[in-house]
Amino acid sequence: MANRIALGRRKSGSVDRGLMISGMEASPTGSGTSGSPYSRADVTSTVTVNSQQYGNAPHNFDSQAHVGGGHHVFYYTQGIINKPASSLGTRTVDITHNWGNLTESGTSERPLFAARWSYPHDISNGVATECYNPGEYTAYEYSLRYFSGEPYLRETEIREGFKAEHIDSNTIRLTNKCGGHLLTDEAGPFSASNHAGHDMYYALVVFYELDYNGGVSI
C-alpha cells in the first residue's frame, strides 16, 4: 500500500515524517472512468533538496504541507546582544530551542528558521520600527594626514553585521559583529577606536519544517 498512504517516514532514506495520502496521478491519456481509472500517485516518490528528500507526488493529504503558504512555528524568542567588548570584536549568544530533542530528529537534521535584528535607535516604545536580515561587511577608508609636517596615511576599518547559524539540531548561535571602527595611522602616532560598536536587538523564529535554505535564515 506504499502508493496509497504512508505513516511515519515517506521511505527509509528520507528525513520527513507525517501522514501522507496519495492523490490521483496526472496523465494526458486515459479516460479516468470507473472502468479505466487513473492510478494513484506514489507517496514514496521524492526529490532531493539541499541533501534532504522531500515528497514530489500529488497528495490528497499531507500533514507536513504548509498551511496557507506559511510555516508552522515551533519556537520563538527575542532579546539583546550587547556590543562587543573590543573594537572590531564580536559577541555571541547561543539559543537552545530543543527542536532536535523534541521532534526526535536525526543528529544531522536542522530546523528552518528566520532571524532579524535592529539597532537600538530602531526601537521605539519596545517595538522595532526597522529590522534587517542577517549579513555582515568590512570596509576600509583612507585619508591623508600630516604629523610634524610629514604626511602619513590613516586607515579606518569598519565592521558591521549580524550572523545566525546552526550549532546542532537543538541550538542556533547569534553573533553581534557591530564592533565599531578602528583608526590606524601608518607609521603614525596612534591606533585607536573612534566608535565603540552597537548593542543589537534580535528576534528569532524556529519552524517545525526541516531546513531547506542551506543553514541560513529565510
Protein backbone atom coordinates (compact mmCIF):
# COMPACT_ATOMS: atom_id res chain seq x y z
CA MET A 1 0.00 0.00 0.00
CA ALA A 2 3.04 2.28 -0.29
CA ASN A 3 1.49 4.10 -3.24
CA ARG A 4 -1.70 4.79 -1.27
CA ILE A 5 -0.78 6.01 2.20
CA ALA A 6 2.35 6.46 4.32
CA LEU A 7 2.55 7.00 8.06
CA GLY A 8 5.91 7.99 9.53
CA ARG A 9 8.83 8.44 7.16
CA ARG A 10 7.96 8.65 3.49
CA LYS A 11 10.56 5.96 2.89
CA SER A 12 13.58 4.66 4.79
CA GLY A 13 16.03 7.07 3.18
CA SER A 14 14.00 10.24 3.70
CA VAL A 15 14.08 12.52 6.73
CA ASP A 16 10.46 13.71 6.63
CA ARG A 17 7.72 12.19 8.75
CA GLY A 18 3.97 12.51 8.98
CA LEU A 19 0.78 11.20 7.38
CA MET A 20 0.69 11.28 3.57
CA ILE A 21 -2.28 10.13 1.42
CA SER A 22 -1.64 9.99 -2.29
CA GLY A 23 -3.66 11.85 -4.87
CA MET A 24 -4.57 10.83 -8.41
CA GLU A 25 -1.66 10.61 -10.81
CA ALA A 26 -1.98 13.21 -13.55
CA SER A 27 -1.89 11.78 -17.08
CA PRO A 28 -2.58 13.18 -20.55
CA THR A 29 -4.15 9.84 -21.57
CA GLY A 30 -6.79 7.59 -20.10
CA SER A 31 -10.44 8.18 -19.54
CA GLY A 32 -10.44 8.29 -15.78
CA THR A 33 -13.73 6.40 -15.72
CA SER A 34 -14.72 3.71 -13.27
CA GLY A 35 -13.77 1.15 -15.90
CA SER A 36 -10.41 2.78 -16.60
CA PRO A 37 -9.41 4.92 -13.61
CA TYR A 38 -6.21 6.83 -13.23
CA SER A 39 -3.68 5.17 -10.94
CA ARG A 40 -2.80 6.52 -7.52
CA ALA A 41 0.35 8.64 -7.15
CA ASP A 42 3.24 7.07 -5.24
CA VAL A 43 3.64 8.77 -1.86
CA THR A 44 7.20 7.41 -1.60
CA SER A 45 8.30 9.40 -4.66
CA THR A 46 10.86 12.02 -3.54
CA VAL A 47 13.01 14.86 -4.78
CA THR A 48 16.32 15.86 -3.14
CA VAL A 49 16.74 19.49 -2.00
CA ASN A 50 19.88 20.52 -0.05
CA SER A 51 20.67 16.84 0.56
CA GLN A 52 17.21 16.27 2.08
CA GLN A 53 14.49 14.16 0.46
CA TYR A 54 11.01 15.60 0.13
CA GLY A 55 7.88 14.24 -1.50
CA ASN A 56 7.14 15.31 -5.06
CA ALA A 57 3.95 13.37 -5.88
CA PRO A 58 0.46 14.91 -5.74
CA HIS A 59 -1.37 14.27 -2.47
CA ASN A 60 -4.90 14.32 -1.22
CA PHE A 61 -3.48 14.97 2.25
CA ASP A 62 -0.02 15.66 3.64
CA SER A 63 0.33 16.55 7.33
CA GLN A 64 3.63 18.30 6.55
CA ALA A 65 2.13 20.57 3.89
CA HIS A 66 2.36 24.30 4.61
CA VAL A 67 -0.94 25.79 5.66
CA GLY A 68 -1.82 28.92 3.70
CA GLY A 69 1.66 29.07 2.24
CA GLY A 70 3.22 29.59 5.68
CA HIS A 71 5.33 27.57 8.08
CA HIS A 72 4.48 26.00 11.43
CA VAL A 73 6.11 27.85 14.34
CA PHE A 74 7.98 25.61 16.78
CA TYR A 75 9.79 28.19 18.94
CA TYR A 76 10.35 31.95 19.11
CA THR A 77 12.34 34.37 21.23
CA GLN A 78 13.79 37.89 21.29
CA GLY A 79 16.47 39.72 23.21
CA ILE A 80 19.59 41.90 23.18
CA ILE A 81 23.18 41.04 22.34
CA ASN A 82 25.49 43.56 23.99
CA LYS A 83 28.10 45.29 21.89
CA PRO A 84 31.46 43.52 21.51
CA ALA A 85 33.96 44.07 24.31
CA SER A 86 36.68 45.41 21.97
CA SER A 87 36.99 47.30 18.71
CA LEU A 88 36.29 45.01 15.71
CA GLY A 89 35.35 42.24 18.15
CA THR A 90 32.24 40.05 18.27
CA ARG A 91 29.82 38.85 20.93
CA THR A 92 27.64 35.74 20.67
CA VAL A 93 24.57 34.25 22.32
CA ASP A 94 23.51 30.62 21.91
CA ILE A 95 19.74 29.99 21.69
CA THR A 96 18.68 26.49 22.81
CA HIS A 97 15.35 25.69 21.13
CA ASN A 98 15.46 21.87 21.57
CA TRP A 99 13.93 21.17 18.14
CA GLY A 100 16.11 18.10 17.66
CA ASN A 101 15.25 16.58 21.03
CA LEU A 102 11.53 17.31 20.95
CA THR A 103 11.00 16.15 17.35
CA GLU A 104 13.36 13.17 17.77
CA SER A 105 15.20 14.28 14.65
CA GLY A 106 18.49 12.84 13.48
CA THR A 107 21.75 14.47 14.55
CA SER A 108 22.37 15.77 11.02
CA GLU A 109 18.94 17.38 10.66
CA ARG A 110 18.32 21.09 11.24
CA PRO A 111 15.16 23.22 11.51
CA LEU A 112 14.14 26.05 9.23
CA PHE A 113 14.45 29.43 10.96
CA ALA A 114 14.09 33.18 10.49
CA ALA A 115 16.27 35.74 12.30
CA ARG A 116 16.09 39.54 12.21
CA TRP A 117 17.97 42.30 14.05
CA SER A 118 17.71 46.02 14.79
CA TYR A 119 19.91 48.87 16.01
CA PRO A 120 18.96 50.44 19.37
CA HIS A 121 17.75 53.59 17.58
CA ASP A 122 15.31 51.41 15.59
CA ILE A 123 13.39 50.52 18.77
CA SER A 124 10.53 52.84 19.75
CA ASN A 125 8.31 52.07 22.78
CA GLY A 126 9.54 48.50 22.73
CA VAL A 127 8.68 47.95 19.05
CA ALA A 128 11.14 47.68 16.15
CA THR A 129 10.45 50.34 13.52
CA GLU A 130 13.15 48.84 11.29
CA CYS A 131 14.69 45.37 11.18
CA TYR A 132 17.28 43.71 8.96
CA ASN A 133 18.21 40.33 7.59
CA PRO A 134 21.45 38.69 8.77
CA GLY A 135 24.50 39.98 6.94
CA GLU A 136 27.94 41.44 7.55
CA TYR A 137 30.55 43.60 5.92
CA THR A 138 34.02 45.00 6.44
CA ALA A 139 35.02 48.33 4.85
CA TYR A 140 38.18 50.45 4.81
CA GLU A 141 38.51 54.22 4.47
CA TYR A 142 41.81 56.04 3.90
CA SER A 143 42.74 59.68 4.43
CA LEU A 144 46.00 61.62 4.11
CA ARG A 145 47.16 63.27 7.37
CA TYR A 146 50.22 65.25 8.48
CA PHE A 147 52.31 64.95 11.64
CA SER A 148 55.20 67.38 12.25
CA GLY A 149 54.95 68.37 8.63
CA GLU A 150 55.26 64.78 7.41
CA PRO A 151 52.41 63.07 5.53
CA TYR A 152 51.03 59.73 6.66
CA LEU A 153 48.07 57.58 5.77
CA ARG A 154 45.24 56.97 8.24
CA GLU A 155 43.20 53.80 7.79
CA THR A 156 39.72 53.40 9.25
CA GLU A 157 38.46 49.81 9.40
CA ILE A 158 34.70 49.43 9.85
CA ARG A 159 32.88 46.24 10.76
CA GLU A 160 29.11 45.82 11.00
CA GLY A 161 26.82 42.84 10.90
CA PHE A 162 24.78 40.05 12.41
CA LYS A 163 25.20 36.31 11.84
CA ALA A 164 22.80 33.43 12.61
CA GLU A 165 23.94 29.81 12.26
CA HIS A 166 23.10 26.30 13.42
CA ILE A 167 25.37 24.77 16.06
CA ASP A 168 23.47 21.48 16.15
CA SER A 169 19.86 20.30 15.87
CA ASN A 170 18.99 22.00 19.19
CA THR A 171 20.96 25.26 19.13
CA ILE A 172 21.31 28.37 16.97
CA ARG A 173 24.15 30.85 17.55
CA LEU A 174 23.59 34.59 17.01
CA THR A 175 26.63 36.84 16.64
CA ASN A 176 26.81 40.62 17.05
CA LYS A 177 29.53 41.81 14.68
CA CYS A 178 28.92 45.54 15.18
CA GLY A 179 32.38 46.01 16.66
CA GLY A 180 32.81 49.66 15.71
CA HIS A 181 35.64 51.40 13.90
CA LEU A 182 39.40 51.15 14.34
CA LEU A 183 41.71 54.00 13.31
CA THR A 184 45.29 53.09 12.45
CA ASP A 185 47.97 55.56 11.38
CA GLU A 186 50.55 54.11 9.00
CA ALA A 187 53.84 54.69 10.86
CA GLY A 188 51.99 57.47 12.67
CA PRO A 189 51.38 58.40 16.29
CA PHE A 190 48.41 56.22 17.31
CA SER A 191 45.93 53.39 16.75
CA ALA A 192 42.59 53.83 18.46
CA SER A 193 38.86 53.28 18.19
CA ASN A 194 36.54 56.18 17.41
CA HIS A 195 33.37 54.08 17.60
CA ALA A 196 32.60 51.64 20.41
CA GLY A 197 30.14 49.45 18.48
CA HIS A 198 26.43 48.76 18.97
CA ASP A 199 24.16 46.69 21.14
CA MET A 200 21.85 44.63 18.94
CA TYR A 201 18.19 43.67 19.33
CA TYR A 202 17.20 40.35 17.76
CA ALA A 203 14.15 38.20 17.06
CA LEU A 204 14.30 34.50 16.20
CA VAL A 205 11.59 32.12 14.98
CA VAL A 206 12.24 28.39 14.58
CA PHE A 207 9.85 26.29 12.48
CA TYR A 208 8.86 22.62 12.61
CA GLU A 209 9.90 22.23 8.96
CA LEU A 210 13.30 20.88 8.02
CA ASP A 211 15.83 23.44 6.83
CA TYR A 212 15.77 23.82 3.04
CA ASN A 213 17.73 27.08 2.91
CA GLY A 214 21.29 25.86 3.36
CA GLY A 215 21.54 26.65 7.08
CA VAL A 216 20.79 30.37 6.82
CA SER A 217 17.78 32.47 7.81
CA ILE A 218 14.82 32.72 5.44
